[in-house]
């Protein structure tokens, strides 16, 4: 059984994931603002000679990134993979006050879940970064908007819900 006070600490870790998720979401908007401000300066608004080649490479990287996102999610963010791979995760400092095997396991599972979610956020934010580079290097604003919107929507879908974290903790508590 997990003590109520430790359960609170476990579920509070979702708050850290939400804060980081918010930062990733805000960064997508910031990239659009940066590109607009840079492109307002006539010195930078001309585009660079290698812009078309960079466009091809960055779109290829965006497709690879999307494939990696799907693969990462299937391999590392399923309930089974989180519960099975939790022993390899480093515990967050806030979760080191566990008492007993079940609380230790729950702490490992929560640490694994939050860490893997953050990795997923970074994978998705890369799409917006590619868009920023495309806008600045070649004035491909439509490309930036497409990649930023894709990043924003996928990040929104990956919001670290309380329900998913609670389900993992419940599974640990029930002996999973």
Protein backbone atom coordinates (compact mmCIF):
# COMPACT_ATOMS: atom_id res chain seq x y z
CA UNK A 1 0.00 0.00 0.00
CA UNK A 2 1.21 3.49 -0.83
CA UNK A 3 0.94 6.02 1.98
CA UNK A 4 -1.41 8.95 1.17
CA UNK A 5 1.36 11.52 1.69
CA UNK A 6 3.70 9.64 -0.66
CA UNK A 7 0.90 9.25 -3.22
CA UNK A 8 0.58 13.04 -3.15
CA UNK A 9 4.31 13.39 -3.80
CA UNK A 10 4.02 10.91 -6.66
CA UNK A 11 1.15 12.74 -8.32
CA UNK A 12 2.86 16.10 -7.76
CA UNK A 13 5.56 14.96 -10.20
CA UNK A 14 2.98 15.41 -12.93
CA UNK A 15 3.14 19.12 -12.08
CA UNK A 16 6.80 19.19 -13.08
CA UNK A 17 5.91 17.51 -16.37
CA UNK A 18 3.11 20.03 -16.95
CA UNK A 19 5.46 22.96 -16.31
CA UNK A 20 7.99 21.59 -18.79
CA UNK A 21 5.21 20.81 -21.26
CA UNK A 22 4.07 24.45 -20.95
CA UNK A 23 7.60 25.66 -21.69
CA UNK A 24 7.75 23.52 -24.82
CA UNK A 25 4.33 24.83 -25.95
CA UNK A 26 5.34 28.44 -25.34
CA UNK A 27 8.62 27.95 -27.20
CA UNK A 28 6.70 27.09 -30.39
CA UNK A 29 5.01 30.50 -30.25
CA UNK A 30 8.29 32.21 -29.38
CA UNK A 31 9.93 30.70 -32.48
CA UNK A 32 7.24 32.24 -34.67
CA UNK A 33 7.71 35.63 -32.99
CA UNK A 34 11.50 35.40 -33.42
CA UNK A 35 11.18 34.61 -37.11
CA UNK A 36 8.74 37.46 -37.68
CA UNK A 37 11.05 39.93 -35.91
CA UNK A 38 14.16 38.73 -37.73
CA UNK A 39 12.42 38.87 -41.10
CA UNK A 40 11.22 42.42 -40.44
CA UNK A 41 14.88 43.48 -40.65
CA UNK A 42 15.71 43.98 -44.36
CA UNK A 43 19.28 42.86 -43.68
CA UNK A 44 18.09 39.32 -42.94
CA UNK A 45 15.01 39.21 -45.13
CA UNK A 46 16.72 38.26 -48.39
CA UNK A 47 17.19 34.56 -47.72
CA UNK A 48 20.45 32.66 -48.05
CA UNK A 49 21.94 30.98 -51.10
CA UNK A 50 21.64 27.48 -49.66
CA UNK A 51 18.02 27.91 -48.55
CA UNK A 52 16.50 25.41 -51.00
CA UNK A 53 19.01 22.70 -50.03
CA UNK A 54 18.41 23.42 -46.36
CA UNK A 55 14.68 23.18 -46.98
CA UNK A 56 15.01 19.69 -48.44
CA UNK A 57 17.25 18.52 -45.60
CA UNK A 58 15.06 20.02 -42.87
CA UNK A 59 11.87 18.53 -44.29
CA UNK A 60 13.63 15.16 -44.45
CA UNK A 61 14.66 15.60 -40.81
CA UNK A 62 11.09 16.55 -39.92
CA UNK A 63 9.83 13.30 -41.46
CA UNK A 64 12.51 11.33 -39.61
CA UNK A 65 11.52 13.15 -36.42
CA UNK A 66 7.86 12.23 -36.91
CA UNK A 67 8.84 8.60 -37.45
CA UNK A 68 11.00 8.73 -34.35
CA UNK A 69 8.08 10.21 -32.39
CA UNK A 70 5.80 7.33 -33.41
CA UNK A 71 8.50 4.76 -32.67
CA UNK A 72 9.42 6.31 -29.29
CA UNK A 73 5.81 6.47 -28.22
CA UNK A 74 5.18 2.82 -29.18
CA UNK A 75 8.37 1.53 -27.60
CA UNK A 76 8.77 3.68 -24.51
CA UNK A 77 5.44 5.22 -23.55
CA UNK A 78 3.17 2.23 -23.35
CA UNK A 79 2.05 1.16 -19.90
CA UNK A 80 3.95 -2.12 -20.30
CA UNK A 81 7.23 -0.45 -21.27
CA UNK A 82 7.02 2.07 -18.44
CA UNK A 83 6.21 -0.59 -15.87
CA UNK A 84 8.86 -2.92 -17.29
CA UNK A 85 11.65 -0.38 -17.72
CA UNK A 86 11.20 1.49 -14.47
CA UNK A 87 14.06 -0.30 -12.70
CA UNK A 88 16.59 1.43 -14.95
CA UNK A 89 15.32 4.93 -14.20
CA UNK A 90 17.03 7.26 -11.79
CA UNK A 91 14.66 8.39 -9.06
CA UNK A 92 13.76 12.04 -8.80
CA UNK A 93 15.06 13.55 -5.60
CA UNK A 94 11.51 14.28 -4.42
CA UNK A 95 10.72 10.57 -4.61
CA UNK A 96 13.65 9.31 -2.57
CA UNK A 97 11.56 9.28 0.61
CA UNK A 98 9.82 6.06 -0.31
CA UNK A 99 9.18 3.38 2.29
CA UNK A 100 8.93 -0.18 1.17
CA UNK A 101 9.11 -2.03 -2.08
CA UNK A 102 5.78 -0.84 -3.52
CA UNK A 103 6.56 2.84 -2.94
CA UNK A 104 10.03 2.38 -4.41
CA UNK A 105 8.53 0.75 -7.49
CA UNK A 106 5.91 3.50 -7.79
CA UNK A 107 8.67 6.13 -7.53
CA UNK A 108 10.61 4.39 -10.31
CA UNK A 109 7.54 4.17 -12.52
CA UNK A 110 6.65 7.85 -12.02
CA UNK A 111 10.26 8.91 -12.68
CA UNK A 112 10.29 6.82 -15.84
CA UNK A 113 6.96 8.20 -17.04
CA UNK A 114 7.90 11.84 -16.50
CA UNK A 115 11.38 11.44 -18.01
CA UNK A 116 10.04 9.71 -21.09
CA UNK A 117 7.33 12.32 -21.54
CA UNK A 118 9.96 15.06 -21.47
CA UNK A 119 11.98 13.25 -24.14
CA UNK A 120 8.82 13.07 -26.24
CA UNK A 121 8.25 16.81 -25.79
CA UNK A 122 11.78 17.51 -27.03
CA UNK A 123 11.26 15.30 -30.08
CA UNK A 124 8.12 17.25 -30.96
CA UNK A 125 9.65 20.64 -30.28
CA UNK A 126 12.35 19.87 -32.84
CA UNK A 127 9.69 20.22 -35.53
CA UNK A 128 9.13 23.84 -34.52
CA UNK A 129 12.89 24.43 -34.48
CA UNK A 130 13.13 23.13 -38.06
CA UNK A 131 10.38 25.58 -38.97
CA UNK A 132 12.25 28.45 -37.35
CA UNK A 133 15.39 27.62 -39.31
CA UNK A 134 13.41 27.39 -42.55
CA UNK A 135 11.84 30.79 -41.93
CA UNK A 136 15.12 32.50 -41.14
CA UNK A 137 17.29 30.79 -43.77
CA UNK A 138 14.91 30.94 -46.70
CA UNK A 139 11.85 32.95 -45.69
CA UNK A 140 9.75 29.80 -45.84
CA UNK A 141 7.09 31.13 -43.51
CA UNK A 142 4.42 28.69 -44.69
CA UNK A 143 6.80 25.83 -43.86
CA UNK A 144 7.37 27.30 -40.42
CA UNK A 145 3.66 27.63 -39.78
CA UNK A 146 3.01 24.04 -40.89
CA UNK A 147 5.80 22.60 -38.74
CA UNK A 148 4.93 24.81 -35.78
CA UNK A 149 1.25 23.87 -35.98
CA UNK A 150 2.17 20.19 -36.20
CA UNK A 151 4.47 20.53 -33.21
CA UNK A 152 1.83 22.46 -31.26
CA UNK A 153 -0.96 19.96 -31.98
CA UNK A 154 1.16 16.91 -31.17
CA UNK A 155 2.39 18.55 -27.96
CA UNK A 156 -1.21 19.29 -27.03
CA UNK A 157 -2.08 15.63 -27.58
CA UNK A 158 0.83 14.59 -25.35
CA UNK A 159 -0.31 16.63 -22.35
CA UNK A 160 0.74 14.70 -19.22
CA UNK A 161 -2.68 13.83 -17.86
CA UNK A 162 -3.38 13.01 -14.26
CA UNK A 163 -5.39 10.00 -15.39
CA UNK A 164 -2.44 8.30 -17.10
CA UNK A 165 -0.14 8.81 -14.13
CA UNK A 166 -2.79 7.60 -11.68
CA UNK A 167 -3.33 4.48 -13.79
CA UNK A 168 0.38 3.65 -13.58
CA UNK A 169 0.48 4.17 -9.81
CA UNK A 170 -2.66 2.05 -9.38
CA UNK A 171 -1.10 -0.72 -11.48
CA UNK A 172 2.01 -0.72 -9.28
CA UNK A 173 -0.13 -0.78 -6.18
CA UNK A 174 -2.09 -3.76 -7.48
CA UNK A 175 1.12 -5.67 -8.05
CA UNK A 176 1.80 -4.95 -11.73
